[in-house]
Amino acid sequence: TAGMITNAVKLVPLGQLDGQDILF
């Protein structure tokens, strides 16, 4: 999950906090 979210943050791109919110 963390790997997919990290990739999404880079590719979409998203903000780092967006990624953390998805993980939560």
mmCIF file of all heavy atoms, coordinates in Angstrom:
data_MODEL
# 
_entry.id   MODEL 
# 
loop_
_atom_site.group_PDB 
_atom_site.id 
_atom_site.type_symbol 
_atom_site.label_atom_id 
_atom_site.label_alt_id 
_atom_site.label_comp_id 
_atom_site.label_asym_id 
_atom_site.label_entity_id 
_atom_site.label_seq_id 
_atom_site.pdbx_PDB_ins_code 
_atom_site.Cartn_x 
_atom_site.Cartn_y 
_atom_site.Cartn_z 
_atom_site.occupancy 
_atom_site.B_iso_or_equiv 
_atom_site.pdbx_formal_charge 
_atom_site.auth_seq_id 
_atom_site.auth_comp_id 
_atom_site.auth_asym_id 
_atom_site.auth_atom_id 
_atom_site.pdbx_PDB_model_num 
ATOM 1   N N   . THR A 1 1  ? 0.827  -1.206 0.000   1.00 0.00 ? 1  THR A N   1 
ATOM 2   C CA  . THR A 1 1  ? 0.000  0.000  0.000   1.00 0.00 ? 1  THR A CA  1 
ATOM 3   C C   . THR A 1 1  ? 0.859  1.253  0.000   1.00 0.00 ? 1  THR A C   1 
ATOM 4   O O   . THR A 1 1  ? 0.618  2.188  -0.774  1.00 0.00 ? 1  THR A O   1 
ATOM 5   C CB  . THR A 1 1  ? -0.928 -0.004 1.231   1.00 0.00 ? 1  THR A CB  1 
ATOM 6   O OG1 . THR A 1 1  ? -1.791 -1.139 1.161   1.00 0.00 ? 1  THR A OG1 1 
ATOM 7   C CG2 . THR A 1 1  ? -1.763 1.262  1.289   1.00 0.00 ? 1  THR A CG2 1 
ATOM 8   N N   . ALA A 1 2  ? 1.860  1.287  0.873   1.00 0.00 ? 2  ALA A N   1 
ATOM 9   C CA  . ALA A 1 2  ? 2.738  2.448  0.944   1.00 0.00 ? 2  ALA A CA  1 
ATOM 10  C C   . ALA A 1 2  ? 3.448  2.682  -0.381  1.00 0.00 ? 2  ALA A C   1 
ATOM 11  O O   . ALA A 1 2  ? 3.604  3.829  -0.824  1.00 0.00 ? 2  ALA A O   1 
ATOM 12  C CB  . ALA A 1 2  ? 3.751  2.267  2.068   1.00 0.00 ? 2  ALA A CB  1 
ATOM 13  N N   . GLY A 1 3  ? 3.861  1.601  -1.040  1.00 0.00 ? 3  GLY A N   1 
ATOM 14  C CA  . GLY A 1 3  ? 4.526  1.739  -2.337  1.00 0.00 ? 3  GLY A CA  1 
ATOM 15  C C   . GLY A 1 3  ? 3.596  2.299  -3.396  1.00 0.00 ? 3  GLY A C   1 
ATOM 16  O O   . GLY A 1 3  ? 3.985  3.187  -4.171  1.00 0.00 ? 3  GLY A O   1 
ATOM 17  N N   . MET A 1 4  ? 2.368  1.806  -3.447  1.00 0.00 ? 4  MET A N   1 
ATOM 18  C CA  . MET A 1 4  ? 1.406  2.303  -4.435  1.00 0.00 ? 4  MET A CA  1 
ATOM 19  C C   . MET A 1 4  ? 1.077  3.777  -4.193  1.00 0.00 ? 4  MET A C   1 
ATOM 20  O O   . MET A 1 4  ? 0.948  4.560  -5.140  1.00 0.00 ? 4  MET A O   1 
ATOM 21  C CB  . MET A 1 4  ? 0.134  1.455  -4.411  1.00 0.00 ? 4  MET A CB  1 
ATOM 22  C CG  . MET A 1 4  ? 0.298  0.080  -5.013  1.00 0.00 ? 4  MET A CG  1 
ATOM 23  S SD  . MET A 1 4  ? -1.266 -0.850 -5.134  1.00 0.00 ? 4  MET A SD  1 
ATOM 24  C CE  . MET A 1 4  ? -1.458 -1.426 -3.438  1.00 0.00 ? 4  MET A CE  1 
ATOM 25  N N   . ILE A 1 5  ? 0.950  4.146  -2.927  1.00 0.00 ? 5  ILE A N   1 
ATOM 26  C CA  . ILE A 1 5  ? 0.639  5.541  -2.601  1.00 0.00 ? 5  ILE A CA  1 
ATOM 27  C C   . ILE A 1 5  ? 1.803  6.453  -2.971  1.00 0.00 ? 5  ILE A C   1 
ATOM 28  O O   . ILE A 1 5  ? 1.609  7.540  -3.533  1.00 0.00 ? 5  ILE A O   1 
ATOM 29  C CB  . ILE A 1 5  ? 0.284  5.678  -1.113  1.00 0.00 ? 5  ILE A CB  1 
ATOM 30  C CG1 . ILE A 1 5  ? -1.060 4.994  -0.835  1.00 0.00 ? 5  ILE A CG1 1 
ATOM 31  C CG2 . ILE A 1 5  ? 0.225  7.147  -0.697  1.00 0.00 ? 5  ILE A CG2 1 
ATOM 32  C CD1 . ILE A 1 5  ? -1.418 4.904  0.640   1.00 0.00 ? 5  ILE A CD1 1 
ATOM 33  N N   . THR A 1 6  ? 3.024  6.022  -2.687  1.00 0.00 ? 6  THR A N   1 
ATOM 34  C CA  . THR A 1 6  ? 4.206  6.807  -3.059  1.00 0.00 ? 6  THR A CA  1 
ATOM 35  C C   . THR A 1 6  ? 4.249  7.031  -4.563  1.00 0.00 ? 6  THR A C   1 
ATOM 36  O O   . THR A 1 6  ? 4.534  8.142  -5.044  1.00 0.00 ? 6  THR A O   1 
ATOM 37  C CB  . THR A 1 6  ? 5.487  6.093  -2.599  1.00 0.00 ? 6  THR A CB  1 
ATOM 38  O OG1 . THR A 1 6  ? 5.481  5.990  -1.178  1.00 0.00 ? 6  THR A OG1 1 
ATOM 39  C CG2 . THR A 1 6  ? 6.734  6.860  -3.034  1.00 0.00 ? 6  THR A CG2 1 
ATOM 40  N N   . ASN A 1 7  ? 3.943  5.989  -5.327  1.00 0.00 ? 7  ASN A N   1 
ATOM 41  C CA  . ASN A 1 7  ? 3.916  6.122  -6.787  1.00 0.00 ? 7  ASN A CA  1 
ATOM 42  C C   . ASN A 1 7  ? 2.822  7.081  -7.238  1.00 0.00 ? 7  ASN A C   1 
ATOM 43  O O   . ASN A 1 7  ? 3.024  7.877  -8.158  1.00 0.00 ? 7  ASN A O   1 
ATOM 44  C CB  . ASN A 1 7  ? 3.707  4.748  -7.431  1.00 0.00 ? 7  ASN A CB  1 
ATOM 45  C CG  . ASN A 1 7  ? 4.893  3.828  -7.241  1.00 0.00 ? 7  ASN A CG  1 
ATOM 46  O OD1 . ASN A 1 7  ? 6.013  4.274  -7.027  1.00 0.00 ? 7  ASN A OD1 1 
ATOM 47  N ND2 . ASN A 1 7  ? 4.655  2.531  -7.300  1.00 0.00 ? 7  ASN A ND2 1 
ATOM 48  N N   . ALA A 1 8  ? 1.657  7.001  -6.601  1.00 0.00 ? 8  ALA A N   1 
ATOM 49  C CA  . ALA A 1 8  ? 0.546  7.886  -6.964  1.00 0.00 ? 8  ALA A CA  1 
ATOM 50  C C   . ALA A 1 8  ? 0.887  9.340  -6.676  1.00 0.00 ? 8  ALA A C   1 
ATOM 51  O O   . ALA A 1 8  ? 0.556  10.237 -7.466  1.00 0.00 ? 8  ALA A O   1 
ATOM 52  C CB  . ALA A 1 8  ? -0.717 7.478  -6.204  1.00 0.00 ? 8  ALA A CB  1 
ATOM 53  N N   . VAL A 1 9  ? 1.559  9.588  -5.542  1.00 0.00 ? 9  VAL A N   1 
ATOM 54  C CA  . VAL A 1 9  ? 1.958  10.958 -5.200  1.00 0.00 ? 9  VAL A CA  1 
ATOM 55  C C   . VAL A 1 9  ? 2.850  11.538 -6.291  1.00 0.00 ? 9  VAL A C   1 
ATOM 56  O O   . VAL A 1 9  ? 2.711  12.704 -6.679  1.00 0.00 ? 9  VAL A O   1 
ATOM 57  C CB  . VAL A 1 9  ? 2.675  10.973 -3.828  1.00 0.00 ? 9  VAL A CB  1 
ATOM 58  C CG1 . VAL A 1 9  ? 3.379  12.309 -3.598  1.00 0.00 ? 9  VAL A CG1 1 
ATOM 59  C CG2 . VAL A 1 9  ? 1.677  10.703 -2.703  1.00 0.00 ? 9  VAL A CG2 1 
ATOM 60  N N   . LYS A 1 10 ? 3.738  10.726 -6.830  1.00 0.00 ? 10 LYS A N   1 
ATOM 61  C CA  . LYS A 1 10 ? 4.657  11.193 -7.864  1.00 0.00 ? 10 LYS A CA  1 
ATOM 62  C C   . LYS A 1 10 ? 3.982  11.329 -9.226  1.00 0.00 ? 10 LYS A C   1 
ATOM 63  O O   . LYS A 1 10 ? 4.262  12.256 -9.975  1.00 0.00 ? 10 LYS A O   1 
ATOM 64  C CB  . LYS A 1 10 ? 5.837  10.231 -7.986  1.00 0.00 ? 10 LYS A CB  1 
ATOM 65  C CG  . LYS A 1 10 ? 6.741  10.191 -6.768  1.00 0.00 ? 10 LYS A CG  1 
ATOM 66  C CD  . LYS A 1 10 ? 7.840  9.153  -6.950  1.00 0.00 ? 10 LYS A CD  1 
ATOM 67  C CE  . LYS A 1 10 ? 8.746  9.083  -5.731  1.00 0.00 ? 10 LYS A CE  1 
ATOM 68  N NZ  . LYS A 1 10 ? 9.792  8.031  -5.876  1.00 0.00 ? 10 LYS A NZ  1 
ATOM 69  N N   . LEU A 1 11 ? 3.098  10.369 -9.548  1.00 0.00 ? 11 LEU A N   1 
ATOM 70  C CA  . LEU A 1 11 ? 2.567  10.286 -10.906 1.00 0.00 ? 11 LEU A CA  1 
ATOM 71  C C   . LEU A 1 11 ? 1.363  11.187 -11.148 1.00 0.00 ? 11 LEU A C   1 
ATOM 72  O O   . LEU A 1 11 ? 1.204  11.729 -12.249 1.00 0.00 ? 11 LEU A O   1 
ATOM 73  C CB  . LEU A 1 11 ? 2.189  8.839  -11.228 1.00 0.00 ? 11 LEU A CB  1 
ATOM 74  C CG  . LEU A 1 11 ? 3.343  7.864  -11.449 1.00 0.00 ? 11 LEU A CG  1 
ATOM 75  C CD1 . LEU A 1 11 ? 2.834  6.428  -11.467 1.00 0.00 ? 11 LEU A CD1 1 
ATOM 76  C CD2 . LEU A 1 11 ? 4.056  8.174  -12.771 1.00 0.00 ? 11 LEU A CD2 1 
ATOM 77  N N   . VAL A 1 12 ? 0.463  11.340 -10.174 1.00 0.00 ? 12 VAL A N   1 
ATOM 78  C CA  . VAL A 1 12 ? -0.797 12.042 -10.449 1.00 0.00 ? 12 VAL A CA  1 
ATOM 79  C C   . VAL A 1 12 ? -0.600 13.512 -10.847 1.00 0.00 ? 12 VAL A C   1 
ATOM 80  O O   . VAL A 1 12 ? -1.159 13.928 -11.886 1.00 0.00 ? 12 VAL A O   1 
ATOM 81  C CB  . VAL A 1 12 ? -1.765 11.857 -9.271  1.00 0.00 ? 12 VAL A CB  1 
ATOM 82  C CG1 . VAL A 1 12 ? -3.007 12.723 -9.455  1.00 0.00 ? 12 VAL A CG1 1 
ATOM 83  C CG2 . VAL A 1 12 ? -2.183 10.375 -9.155  1.00 0.00 ? 12 VAL A CG2 1 
ATOM 84  N N   . PRO A 1 13 ? 0.150  14.349 -10.101 1.00 0.00 ? 13 PRO A N   1 
ATOM 85  C CA  . PRO A 1 13 ? 0.764  14.126 -8.789  1.00 0.00 ? 13 PRO A CA  1 
ATOM 86  C C   . PRO A 1 13 ? -0.179 14.560 -7.674  1.00 0.00 ? 13 PRO A C   1 
ATOM 87  O O   . PRO A 1 13 ? -1.152 15.261 -7.897  1.00 0.00 ? 13 PRO A O   1 
ATOM 88  C CB  . PRO A 1 13 ? 1.982  15.039 -8.840  1.00 0.00 ? 13 PRO A CB  1 
ATOM 89  C CG  . PRO A 1 13 ? 1.522  16.205 -9.676  1.00 0.00 ? 13 PRO A CG  1 
ATOM 90  C CD  . PRO A 1 13 ? 0.560  15.647 -10.696 1.00 0.00 ? 13 PRO A CD  1 
ATOM 91  N N   . LEU A 1 14 ? 0.173  14.136 -6.448  1.00 0.00 ? 14 LEU A N   1 
ATOM 92  C CA  . LEU A 1 14 ? -0.585 14.510 -5.260  1.00 0.00 ? 14 LEU A CA  1 
ATOM 93  C C   . LEU A 1 14 ? 0.369  15.159 -4.257  1.00 0.00 ? 14 LEU A C   1 
ATOM 94  O O   . LEU A 1 14 ? 1.584  14.981 -4.342  1.00 0.00 ? 14 LEU A O   1 
ATOM 95  C CB  . LEU A 1 14 ? -1.221 13.277 -4.608  1.00 0.00 ? 14 LEU A CB  1 
ATOM 96  C CG  . LEU A 1 14 ? -2.176 12.437 -5.459  1.00 0.00 ? 14 LEU A CG  1 
ATOM 97  C CD1 . LEU A 1 14 ? -2.565 11.178 -4.694  1.00 0.00 ? 14 LEU A CD1 1 
ATOM 98  C CD2 . LEU A 1 14 ? -3.406 13.231 -5.842  1.00 0.00 ? 14 LEU A CD2 1 
ATOM 99  N N   . GLY A 1 15 ? -0.190 15.850 -3.282  1.00 0.00 ? 15 GLY A N   1 
ATOM 100 C CA  . GLY A 1 15 ? 0.621  16.375 -2.204  1.00 0.00 ? 15 GLY A CA  1 
ATOM 101 C C   . GLY A 1 15 ? 1.016  15.260 -1.247  1.00 0.00 ? 15 GLY A C   1 
ATOM 102 O O   . GLY A 1 15 ? 0.321  14.241 -1.141  1.00 0.00 ? 15 GLY A O   1 
ATOM 103 N N   . GLN A 1 16 ? 2.122  15.444 -0.546  1.00 0.00 ? 16 GLN A N   1 
ATOM 104 C CA  . GLN A 1 16 ? 2.572  14.431 0.398   1.00 0.00 ? 16 GLN A CA  1 
ATOM 105 C C   . GLN A 1 16 ? 1.516  14.155 1.472   1.00 0.00 ? 16 GLN A C   1 
ATOM 106 O O   . GLN A 1 16 ? 1.318  13.014 1.888   1.00 0.00 ? 16 GLN A O   1 
ATOM 107 C CB  . GLN A 1 16 ? 3.884  14.883 1.049   1.00 0.00 ? 16 GLN A CB  1 
ATOM 108 C CG  . GLN A 1 16 ? 5.076  14.944 0.094   1.00 0.00 ? 16 GLN A CG  1 
ATOM 109 C CD  . GLN A 1 16 ? 5.519  13.579 -0.380  1.00 0.00 ? 16 GLN A CD  1 
ATOM 110 O OE1 . GLN A 1 16 ? 5.158  12.560 0.215   1.00 0.00 ? 16 GLN A OE1 1 
ATOM 111 N NE2 . GLN A 1 16 ? 6.292  13.531 -1.450  1.00 0.00 ? 16 GLN A NE2 1 
ATOM 112 N N   . LEU A 1 17 ? 0.826  15.190 1.933   1.00 0.00 ? 17 LEU A N   1 
ATOM 113 C CA  . LEU A 1 17 ? -0.200 14.989 2.950   1.00 0.00 ? 17 LEU A CA  1 
ATOM 114 C C   . LEU A 1 17 ? -1.416 14.257 2.395   1.00 0.00 ? 17 LEU A C   1 
ATOM 115 O O   . LEU A 1 17 ? -2.100 13.524 3.111   1.00 0.00 ? 17 LEU A O   1 
ATOM 116 C CB  . LEU A 1 17 ? -0.614 16.329 3.569   1.00 0.00 ? 17 LEU A CB  1 
ATOM 117 C CG  . LEU A 1 17 ? 0.479  17.018 4.397   1.00 0.00 ? 17 LEU A CG  1 
ATOM 118 C CD1 . LEU A 1 17 ? -0.037 18.334 4.970   1.00 0.00 ? 17 LEU A CD1 1 
ATOM 119 C CD2 . LEU A 1 17 ? 0.969  16.109 5.519   1.00 0.00 ? 17 LEU A CD2 1 
ATOM 120 N N   . ASP A 1 18 ? -1.691 14.447 1.089   1.00 0.00 ? 18 ASP A N   1 
ATOM 121 C CA  . ASP A 1 18 ? -2.753 13.662 0.452   1.00 0.00 ? 18 ASP A CA  1 
ATOM 122 C C   . ASP A 1 18 ? -2.424 12.179 0.538   1.00 0.00 ? 18 ASP A C   1 
ATOM 123 O O   . ASP A 1 18 ? -3.286 11.345 0.831   1.00 0.00 ? 18 ASP A O   1 
ATOM 124 C CB  . ASP A 1 18 ? -2.903 14.060 -1.021  1.00 0.00 ? 18 ASP A CB  1 
ATOM 125 C CG  . ASP A 1 18 ? -3.526 15.430 -1.196  1.00 0.00 ? 18 ASP A CG  1 
ATOM 126 O OD1 . ASP A 1 18 ? -4.333 15.827 -0.344  1.00 0.00 ? 18 ASP A OD1 1 
ATOM 127 O OD2 . ASP A 1 18 ? -3.190 16.117 -2.190  1.00 0.00 ? 18 ASP A OD2 1 
ATOM 128 N N   . GLY A 1 19 ? -1.167 11.870 0.274   1.00 0.00 ? 19 GLY A N   1 
ATOM 129 C CA  . GLY A 1 19 ? -0.733 10.470 0.347   1.00 0.00 ? 19 GLY A CA  1 
ATOM 130 C C   . GLY A 1 19 ? -0.897 9.904  1.744   1.00 0.00 ? 19 GLY A C   1 
ATOM 131 O O   . GLY A 1 19 ? -1.355 8.762  1.919   1.00 0.00 ? 19 GLY A O   1 
ATOM 132 N N   . GLN A 1 20 ? -0.537 10.681 2.751   1.00 0.00 ? 20 GLN A N   1 
ATOM 133 C CA  . GLN A 1 20 ? -0.681 10.216 4.126   1.00 0.00 ? 20 GLN A CA  1 
ATOM 134 C C   . GLN A 1 20 ? -2.142 10.037 4.505   1.00 0.00 ? 20 GLN A C   1 
ATOM 135 O O   . GLN A 1 20 ? -2.501 9.089  5.221   1.00 0.00 ? 20 GLN A O   1 
ATOM 136 C CB  . GLN A 1 20 ? 0.007  11.196 5.080   1.00 0.00 ? 20 GLN A CB  1 
ATOM 137 C CG  . GLN A 1 20 ? 1.520  11.241 4.937   1.00 0.00 ? 20 GLN A CG  1 
ATOM 138 C CD  . GLN A 1 20 ? 2.155  9.870  5.112   1.00 0.00 ? 20 GLN A CD  1 
ATOM 139 O OE1 . GLN A 1 20 ? 1.965  9.207  6.137   1.00 0.00 ? 20 GLN A OE1 1 
ATOM 140 N NE2 . GLN A 1 20 ? 2.888  9.424  4.109   1.00 0.00 ? 20 GLN A NE2 1 
ATOM 141 N N   . ASP A 1 21 ? -2.998 10.912 4.014   1.00 0.00 ? 21 ASP A N   1 
ATOM 142 C CA  . ASP A 1 21 ? -4.429 10.768 4.298   1.00 0.00 ? 21 ASP A CA  1 
ATOM 143 C C   . ASP A 1 21 ? -4.989 9.482  3.686   1.00 0.00 ? 21 ASP A C   1 
ATOM 144 O O   . ASP A 1 21 ? -5.825 8.806  4.289   1.00 0.00 ? 21 ASP A O   1 
ATOM 145 C CB  . ASP A 1 21 ? -5.202 11.978 3.769   1.00 0.00 ? 21 ASP A CB  1 
ATOM 146 C CG  . ASP A 1 21 ? -4.984 13.227 4.620   1.00 0.00 ? 21 ASP A CG  1 
ATOM 147 O OD1 . ASP A 1 21 ? -4.551 13.090 5.774   1.00 0.00 ? 21 ASP A OD1 1 
ATOM 148 O OD2 . ASP A 1 21 ? -5.251 14.341 4.112   1.00 0.00 ? 21 ASP A OD2 1 
ATOM 149 N N   . ILE A 1 22 ? -4.522 9.148  2.480   1.00 0.00 ? 22 ILE A N   1 
ATOM 150 C CA  . ILE A 1 22 ? -4.955 7.893  1.851   1.00 0.00 ? 22 ILE A CA  1 
ATOM 151 C C   . ILE A 1 22 ? -4.494 6.709  2.692   1.00 0.00 ? 22 ILE A C   1 
ATOM 152 O O   . ILE A 1 22 ? -5.257 5.764  2.930   1.00 0.00 ? 22 ILE A O   1 
ATOM 153 C CB  . ILE A 1 22 ? -4.405 7.792  0.411   1.00 0.00 ? 22 ILE A CB  1 
ATOM 154 C CG1 . ILE A 1 22 ? -5.019 8.874  -0.484  1.00 0.00 ? 22 ILE A CG1 1 
ATOM 155 C CG2 . ILE A 1 22 ? -4.704 6.407  -0.173  1.00 0.00 ? 22 ILE A CG2 1 
ATOM 156 C CD1 . ILE A 1 22 ? -4.392 8.946  -1.871  1.00 0.00 ? 22 ILE A CD1 1 
ATOM 157 N N   . LEU A 1 23 ? -3.250 6.762  3.160   1.00 0.00 ? 23 LEU A N   1 
ATOM 158 C CA  . LEU A 1 23 ? -2.720 5.668  3.974   1.00 0.00 ? 23 LEU A CA  1 
ATOM 159 C C   . LEU A 1 23 ? -3.527 5.508  5.261   1.00 0.00 ? 23 LEU A C   1 
ATOM 160 O O   . LEU A 1 23 ? -3.895 4.393  5.644   1.00 0.00 ? 23 LEU A O   1 
ATOM 161 C CB  . LEU A 1 23 ? -1.250 5.936  4.288   1.00 0.00 ? 23 LEU A CB  1 
ATOM 162 C CG  . LEU A 1 23 ? -0.479 4.813  5.000   1.00 0.00 ? 23 LEU A CG  1 
ATOM 163 C CD1 . LEU A 1 23 ? -0.523 3.515  4.191   1.00 0.00 ? 23 LEU A CD1 1 
ATOM 164 C CD2 . LEU A 1 23 ? 0.966  5.235  5.228   1.00 0.00 ? 23 LEU A CD2 1 
ATOM 165 N N   . PHE A 1 24 ? -3.824 6.623  5.935   1.00 0.00 ? 24 PHE A N   1 
ATOM 166 C CA  . PHE A 1 24 ? -4.650 6.563  7.148   1.00 0.00 ? 24 PHE A CA  1 
ATOM 167 C C   . PHE A 1 24 ? -5.995 5.892  6.860   1.00 0.00 ? 24 PHE A C   1 
ATOM 168 O O   . PHE A 1 24 ? -6.467 5.053  7.631   1.00 0.00 ? 24 PHE A O   1 
ATOM 169 C CB  . PHE A 1 24 ? -4.906 7.970  7.694   1.00 0.00 ? 24 PHE A CB  1 
ATOM 170 C CG  . PHE A 1 24 ? -3.742 8.580  8.412   1.00 0.00 ? 24 PHE A CG  1 
ATOM 171 C CD1 . PHE A 1 24 ? -3.383 9.901  8.168   1.00 0.00 ? 24 PHE A CD1 1 
ATOM 172 C CD2 . PHE A 1 24 ? -3.005 7.865  9.344   1.00 0.00 ? 24 PHE A CD2 1 
ATOM 173 C CE1 . PHE A 1 24 ? -2.321 10.485 8.831   1.00 0.00 ? 24 PHE A CE1 1 
ATOM 174 C CE2 . PHE A 1 24 ? -1.936 8.439  10.011  1.00 0.00 ? 24 PHE A CE2 1 
ATOM 175 C CZ  . PHE A 1 24 ? -1.592 9.756  9.762   1.00 0.00 ? 24 PHE A CZ  1 
# 
